[in-house]
Amino acid sequence: MKVLNYRVLLRKEPEGGYTVTVPSLPGCVTHGTTLEEALAMAKEAVELYLESLRAHGESIPTDESTLEYTLTVHDGA
């Protein structure tokens, strides 16, 4: 079994908890009330997403060629 690594983005929500998205897997979004729960839910969501791709004979995307950079901009206010 090949080990795959995916970058996840966590956003703290004003009403509580964290929303997690996986940029390399469009539509792969989940939520958890704590960081630990959000990461556990993300792992499960990724595993289910990949399982669905395999079941439909689709290719498995990876983060191998993804570059990450943070841009700083001024909001003009």
C-alpha atoms as a PDB file:
ATOM      1  CA  MET A   1       0.000   0.000   0.000  1.00  0.00           C
ATOM      2  CA  LYS A   2       1.394   3.389  -1.044  1.00  0.00           C
ATOM      3  CA  VAL A   3       1.530   6.161   1.558  1.00  0.00           C
ATOM      4  CA  LEU A   4      -0.061   9.411   0.362  1.00  0.00           C
ATOM      5  CA  ASN A   5       0.250  12.800   2.029  1.00  0.00           C
ATOM      6  CA  TYR A   6      -2.300  15.578   1.611  1.00  0.00           C
ATOM      7  CA  ARG A   7      -2.154  19.189   2.711  1.00  0.00           C
ATOM      8  CA  VAL A   8      -5.219  20.224   4.703  1.00  0.00           C
ATOM      9  CA  LEU A   9      -6.401  23.718   5.547  1.00  0.00           C
ATOM     10  CA  LEU A  10      -8.098  24.332   8.879  1.00  0.00           C
ATOM     11  CA  ARG A  11     -10.256  27.376   9.500  1.00  0.00           C
ATOM     12  CA  LYS A  12     -11.422  28.290  13.004  1.00  0.00           C
ATOM     13  CA  GLU A  13     -15.119  29.069  12.775  1.00  0.00           C
ATOM     14  CA  PRO A  14     -16.741  31.949  14.715  1.00  0.00           C
ATOM     15  CA  GLU A  15     -19.499  29.655  16.008  1.00  0.00           C
ATOM     16  CA  GLY A  16     -16.877  27.157  17.208  1.00  0.00           C
ATOM     17  CA  GLY A  17     -14.934  24.280  15.811  1.00  0.00           C
ATOM     18  CA  TYR A  18     -12.843  23.978  12.682  1.00  0.00           C
ATOM     19  CA  THR A  19     -13.671  23.484   9.036  1.00  0.00           C
ATOM     20  CA  VAL A  20     -11.141  21.391   7.139  1.00  0.00           C
ATOM     21  CA  THR A  21     -10.639  21.405   3.371  1.00  0.00           C
ATOM     22  CA  VAL A  22      -8.288  19.321   1.231  1.00  0.00           C
ATOM     23  CA  PRO A  23      -7.249  21.463  -1.757  1.00  0.00           C
ATOM     24  CA  SER A  24      -6.077  18.526  -3.891  1.00  0.00           C
ATOM     25  CA  LEU A  25      -9.421  16.753  -3.472  1.00  0.00           C
ATOM     26  CA  PRO A  26     -12.188  19.098  -4.684  1.00  0.00           C
ATOM     27  CA  GLY A  27     -15.233  18.982  -2.446  1.00  0.00           C
ATOM     28  CA  CYS A  28     -13.446  17.129   0.354  1.00  0.00           C
ATOM     29  CA  VAL A  29     -14.588  19.183   3.354  1.00  0.00           C
ATOM     30  CA  THR A  30     -15.285  18.213   6.947  1.00  0.00           C
ATOM     31  CA  HIS A  31     -15.608  19.739  10.417  1.00  0.00           C
ATOM     32  CA  GLY A  32     -14.576  19.039  13.997  1.00  0.00           C
ATOM     33  CA  THR A  33     -15.159  20.759  17.321  1.00  0.00           C
ATOM     34  CA  THR A  34     -11.470  20.483  18.325  1.00  0.00           C
ATOM     35  CA  LEU A  35      -8.273  20.424  16.289  1.00  0.00           C
ATOM     36  CA  GLU A  36      -7.805  16.755  17.110  1.00  0.00           C
ATOM     37  CA  GLU A  37     -11.347  15.870  16.041  1.00  0.00           C
ATOM     38  CA  ALA A  38     -11.064  17.999  12.881  1.00  0.00           C
ATOM     39  CA  LEU A  39      -7.856  16.205  11.859  1.00  0.00           C
ATOM     40  CA  ALA A  40      -9.358  12.783  12.595  1.00  0.00           C
ATOM     41  CA  MET A  41     -12.415  13.695  10.528  1.00  0.00           C
ATOM     42  CA  ALA A  42     -10.141  14.936   7.732  1.00  0.00           C
ATOM     43  CA  LYS A  43      -8.268  11.629   7.647  1.00  0.00           C
ATOM     44  CA  GLU A  44     -11.549   9.728   7.433  1.00  0.00           C
ATOM     45  CA  ALA A  45     -12.885  12.072   4.729  1.00  0.00           C
ATOM     46  CA  VAL A  46      -9.733  11.632   2.622  1.00  0.00           C
ATOM     47  CA  GLU A  47      -9.848   7.845   2.982  1.00  0.00           C
ATOM     48  CA  LEU A  48     -13.504   7.754   1.900  1.00  0.00           C
ATOM     49  CA  TYR A  49     -12.841  10.160  -0.981  1.00  0.00           C
ATOM     50  CA  LEU A  50     -10.001   7.967  -2.276  1.00  0.00           C
ATOM     51  CA  GLU A  51     -12.122   4.838  -1.840  1.00  0.00           C
ATOM     52  CA  SER A  52     -14.835   6.437  -3.999  1.00  0.00           C
ATOM     53  CA  LEU A  53     -12.299   7.422  -6.675  1.00  0.00           C
ATOM     54  CA  ARG A  54     -10.964   3.854  -6.800  1.00  0.00           C
ATOM     55  CA  ALA A  55     -14.475   2.405  -6.984  1.00  0.00           C
ATOM     56  CA  HIS A  56     -15.209   4.607  -9.997  1.00  0.00           C
ATOM     57  CA  GLY A  57     -11.902   3.855 -11.713  1.00  0.00           C
ATOM     58  CA  GLU A  58     -10.699   7.445 -11.399  1.00  0.00           C
ATOM     59  CA  SER A  59      -7.103   8.508 -10.872  1.00  0.00           C
ATOM     60  CA  ILE A  60      -5.862   9.431  -7.415  1.00  0.00           C
ATOM     61  CA  PRO A  61      -4.608  13.038  -7.227  1.00  0.00           C
ATOM     62  CA  THR A  62      -1.600  13.841  -5.050  1.00  0.00           C
ATOM     63  CA  ASP A  63       0.074  16.916  -3.596  1.00  0.00           C
ATOM     64  CA  GLU A  64       3.459  15.965  -5.075  1.00  0.00           C
ATOM     65  CA  SER A  65       3.548  18.826  -7.588  1.00  0.00           C
ATOM     66  CA  THR A  66       1.744  21.362  -5.389  1.00  0.00           C
ATOM     67  CA  LEU A  67       3.656  24.448  -4.360  1.00  0.00           C
ATOM     68  CA  GLU A  68       2.566  26.464  -1.351  1.00  0.00           C
ATOM     69  CA  TYR A  69       3.123  30.151  -0.810  1.00  0.00           C
ATOM     70  CA  THR A  70       1.468  32.744   1.412  1.00  0.00           C
ATOM     71  CA  LEU A  71       0.757  36.117  -0.157  1.00  0.00           C
ATOM     72  CA  THR A  72       0.506  39.270   1.942  1.00  0.00           C
ATOM     73  CA  VAL A  73      -1.778  42.013   0.632  1.00  0.00           C
ATOM     74  CA  HIS A  74      -3.184  45.249   2.024  1.00  0.00           C
ATOM     75  CA  ASP A  75      -6.945  45.581   2.187  1.00  0.00           C
ATOM     76  CA  GLY A  76      -6.848  49.281   1.255  1.00  0.00           C
ATOM     77  CA  ALA A  77      -8.747  50.372   4.368  1.00  0.00           C
END
